[in-house]
Structures are given as C-alpha cells and as structure tokens.
C-alpha cells in the first residue's frame, strides 16, 4: 500500500499567508473557547466535590478527635515507653513540635548581643535561627522554647482496602 503525504498547501503570496494567519487565529480562538469551557466545568466539579466532601471531612475530624480524646485519657498507659500506637488499620500518637515564643524586647536584645543571624531584614526575630540558640541565650533575649506533643492519626489505607475486599467477598 502506498503512503500518502498530506497536502498542506503551498503559500505563494502575502495574501495567502495572511489568510493562513487568519485561520490560525480562528483555530486558536476556538481552542480558547474549548479550554475556557473545560476550566468552567472543572471549577464546577471542584465546587461540587468540596460540597460533597464537606460532610466526610467533618466525620474524619470528628473521628480523629474521638481517637485524640481516647489517647489523652489513656496517655499514661498507652504511651509509657513509646510515642505512637500501631494498630492493624493505622496508628496514632504524639509528635514533638518546637516553637520559639518572643516578646517585644527580643529584637533589641538580639541586636545588643550581636545575634544578627537571628534577625530577619524585616527587623523581626528569626525564630528558625533562634531555635539553634541554647535556653540561657533565649532567656537573655526575653524568649522561651516551648515543646509540646502534637496529636496525629494516620489511617493505613492498604489495610482498610484489604478489609473492604474481604467484606465484599464474604
């Protein structure tokens, strides 16, 4: 079977080139219309998904809060020698998080102690850099390191899916 080359047409004059440019413009306009319609539909789908998912997101927050309350109530027993509990459908526990609390006087004290690396050009304390300072130095600049345990819970989606398959088979 012989191969056929598509005839693209040969441009021989400026008027023909101009007409091809017009065709390109019309095609691009048509393409923009298609893209705009797609973006509109995508926005509507996202809005609809957000509405539909709102109830589910609230249920997840509520379920996480119930696990958090259980963890808080039984903290001494559950987390005596560990930071998290691993179960067949996921895990929950506490993670360390550190933040630097500063006062209005901290900036001037940082300048006085020449801790310039701890000062942002916006003239505010750089808490990330201050995290490297020891507690005595933080106290000298009216700051304190706060360490707390933040609760987390993560579902093991693979195990949940396995369980769903078992239930469907049964």
Protein backbone atom coordinates (compact mmCIF):
# COMPACT_ATOMS: atom_id res chain seq x y z
CA UNK A 1 0.00 0.00 0.00
CA UNK A 2 1.45 3.36 -0.97
CA UNK A 3 1.92 6.04 1.67
CA UNK A 4 0.12 9.30 1.10
CA UNK A 5 1.58 12.57 2.17
CA UNK A 6 -1.00 15.08 3.32
CA UNK A 7 -1.28 18.11 1.08
CA UNK A 8 -0.58 21.09 3.26
CA UNK A 9 -0.92 23.62 0.53
CA UNK A 10 1.75 25.91 -0.64
CA UNK A 11 1.74 29.60 0.20
CA UNK A 12 2.74 31.69 -2.76
CA UNK A 13 1.59 35.21 -1.87
CA UNK A 14 1.33 37.53 1.11
CA UNK A 15 -2.46 37.40 0.81
CA UNK A 16 -2.37 33.59 1.16
CA UNK A 17 -0.05 33.90 4.18
CA UNK A 18 -2.44 36.42 5.65
CA UNK A 19 -5.40 34.06 5.16
CA UNK A 20 -3.49 31.21 6.83
CA UNK A 21 -2.72 33.55 9.75
CA UNK A 22 -6.46 34.30 9.93
CA UNK A 23 -7.19 30.55 10.01
CA UNK A 24 -4.66 30.08 12.81
CA UNK A 25 -6.29 32.93 14.74
CA UNK A 26 -9.75 31.40 14.33
CA UNK A 27 -8.49 27.97 15.39
CA UNK A 28 -6.75 29.44 18.46
CA UNK A 29 -9.95 31.31 19.35
CA UNK A 30 -11.92 28.06 19.05
CA UNK A 31 -9.33 26.30 21.19
CA UNK A 32 -9.56 29.04 23.84
CA UNK A 33 -13.32 28.57 23.93
CA UNK A 34 -12.88 24.83 24.46
CA UNK A 35 -10.29 25.44 27.19
CA UNK A 36 -12.47 28.07 28.90
CA UNK A 37 -15.43 25.70 28.93
CA UNK A 38 -13.22 22.94 30.36
CA UNK A 39 -11.95 25.29 33.11
CA UNK A 40 -15.53 26.28 33.92
CA UNK A 41 -16.58 22.62 34.18
CA UNK A 42 -13.51 21.80 36.29
CA UNK A 43 -14.34 24.67 38.67
CA UNK A 44 -17.93 23.43 38.98
CA UNK A 45 -16.74 19.86 39.59
CA UNK A 46 -14.28 21.06 42.27
CA UNK A 47 -17.02 23.11 43.95
CA UNK A 48 -19.39 20.15 43.87
CA UNK A 49 -16.67 17.83 45.23
CA UNK A 50 -15.95 20.29 48.05
CA UNK A 51 -19.65 20.33 48.99
CA UNK A 52 -19.95 16.55 48.82
CA UNK A 53 -16.69 16.05 50.71
CA UNK A 54 -17.53 18.54 53.45
CA UNK A 55 -19.59 16.04 55.43
CA UNK A 56 -16.91 13.38 55.04
CA UNK A 57 -14.14 15.79 56.08
CA UNK A 58 -16.15 16.70 59.19
CA UNK A 59 -16.59 13.00 60.01
CA UNK A 60 -12.81 12.50 59.68
CA UNK A 61 -12.16 15.45 62.01
CA UNK A 62 -14.73 14.10 64.49
CA UNK A 63 -13.30 10.57 64.34
CA UNK A 64 -9.76 11.94 64.83
CA UNK A 65 -10.99 13.97 67.81
CA UNK A 66 -12.51 10.81 69.35
CA UNK A 67 -9.20 8.98 68.95
CA UNK A 68 -7.42 12.03 70.39
CA UNK A 69 -9.70 12.06 73.43
CA UNK A 70 -9.08 8.34 73.94
CA UNK A 71 -5.32 8.91 73.61
CA UNK A 72 -5.38 11.80 76.10
CA UNK A 73 -7.45 9.85 78.62
CA UNK A 74 -5.21 6.78 78.39
CA UNK A 75 -1.93 8.61 77.72
CA UNK A 76 -0.03 7.21 80.70
CA UNK A 77 -0.96 3.63 79.82
CA UNK A 78 -0.66 3.83 76.02
CA UNK A 79 2.47 5.96 75.71
CA UNK A 80 4.52 4.85 78.71
CA UNK A 81 7.54 3.81 76.64
CA UNK A 82 6.58 4.87 73.09
CA UNK A 83 5.27 7.86 71.16
CA UNK A 84 2.74 6.09 68.92
CA UNK A 85 0.48 3.07 68.83
CA UNK A 86 0.45 0.91 65.68
CA UNK A 87 -2.81 -0.93 65.02
CA UNK A 88 -3.93 -3.03 62.08
CA UNK A 89 -5.84 -0.11 60.50
CA UNK A 90 -3.35 2.66 61.23
CA UNK A 91 -1.51 4.44 64.01
CA UNK A 92 -1.93 7.32 66.42
CA UNK A 93 0.28 9.05 68.93
CA UNK A 94 2.18 12.24 69.65
CA UNK A 95 4.94 14.06 67.79
CA UNK A 96 7.27 16.65 69.23
CA UNK A 97 6.91 20.13 67.81
CA UNK A 98 9.05 23.07 68.83
CA UNK A 99 8.29 26.76 68.55
CA UNK A 100 10.04 29.90 69.75
CA UNK A 101 7.98 32.44 71.67
CA UNK A 102 9.31 36.02 71.62
CA UNK A 103 8.46 39.26 73.35
CA UNK A 104 8.60 42.84 72.08
CA UNK A 105 12.03 43.27 73.69
CA UNK A 106 13.56 40.23 71.94
CA UNK A 107 14.64 42.12 68.80
CA UNK A 108 16.57 44.79 70.70
CA UNK A 109 18.20 42.19 72.92
CA UNK A 110 19.24 40.14 69.87
CA UNK A 111 20.86 43.28 68.44
CA UNK A 112 22.57 44.05 71.75
CA UNK A 113 24.03 40.53 71.88
CA UNK A 114 25.01 40.82 68.19
CA UNK A 115 22.99 37.74 67.22
CA UNK A 116 22.42 39.24 63.77
CA UNK A 117 21.84 35.83 62.13
CA UNK A 118 18.70 35.58 64.27
CA UNK A 119 17.27 38.84 62.87
CA UNK A 120 15.45 39.00 59.55
CA UNK A 121 15.88 42.02 57.32
CA UNK A 122 12.26 42.82 58.04
CA UNK A 123 13.50 43.61 61.53
CA UNK A 124 11.77 40.83 63.37
CA UNK A 125 13.17 37.92 65.35
CA UNK A 126 14.07 34.90 63.17
CA UNK A 127 12.56 32.08 65.20
CA UNK A 128 14.10 29.44 62.92
CA UNK A 129 17.60 30.75 63.63
CA UNK A 130 16.75 31.24 67.30
CA UNK A 131 15.87 27.55 67.54
CA UNK A 132 19.62 26.88 67.39
CA UNK A 133 20.25 29.03 70.49
CA UNK A 134 20.51 27.47 73.93
CA UNK A 135 17.84 28.19 76.57
CA UNK A 136 20.09 30.59 78.54
CA UNK A 137 20.65 32.74 75.47
CA UNK A 138 16.92 32.65 74.70
CA UNK A 139 16.23 33.85 78.25
CA UNK A 140 18.67 36.75 77.75
CA UNK A 141 16.56 37.97 74.81
CA UNK A 142 13.21 37.54 76.59
CA UNK A 143 12.36 34.36 74.68
CA UNK A 144 11.48 30.85 75.72
CA UNK A 145 11.47 27.50 73.90
CA UNK A 146 8.11 25.75 74.05
CA UNK A 147 7.97 22.00 73.42
CA UNK A 148 4.67 20.21 73.17
CA UNK A 149 3.32 16.91 71.90
CA UNK A 150 1.00 17.33 68.92
CA UNK A 151 -1.53 14.59 68.31
CA UNK A 152 -1.65 12.75 64.98
CA UNK A 153 -3.51 9.82 63.48
CA UNK A 154 -2.95 8.16 60.12
CA UNK A 155 -5.15 5.54 58.53
CA UNK A 156 -3.42 2.56 56.90
CA UNK A 157 -5.32 2.76 53.64
CA UNK A 158 -3.88 -0.52 52.37
CA UNK A 159 -5.23 -2.46 55.34
CA UNK A 160 -8.59 -0.71 55.08
CA UNK A 161 -8.77 -1.67 51.40
CA UNK A 162 -7.89 -5.28 52.23
CA UNK A 163 -10.68 -5.35 54.79
CA UNK A 164 -13.17 -3.94 52.28
CA UNK A 165 -12.19 -6.66 49.81
CA UNK A 166 -12.72 -9.33 52.48
CA UNK A 167 -16.18 -7.94 53.23
CA UNK A 168 -17.10 -7.85 49.54
CA UNK A 169 -16.01 -11.48 49.07
CA UNK A 170 -17.93 -12.70 52.12
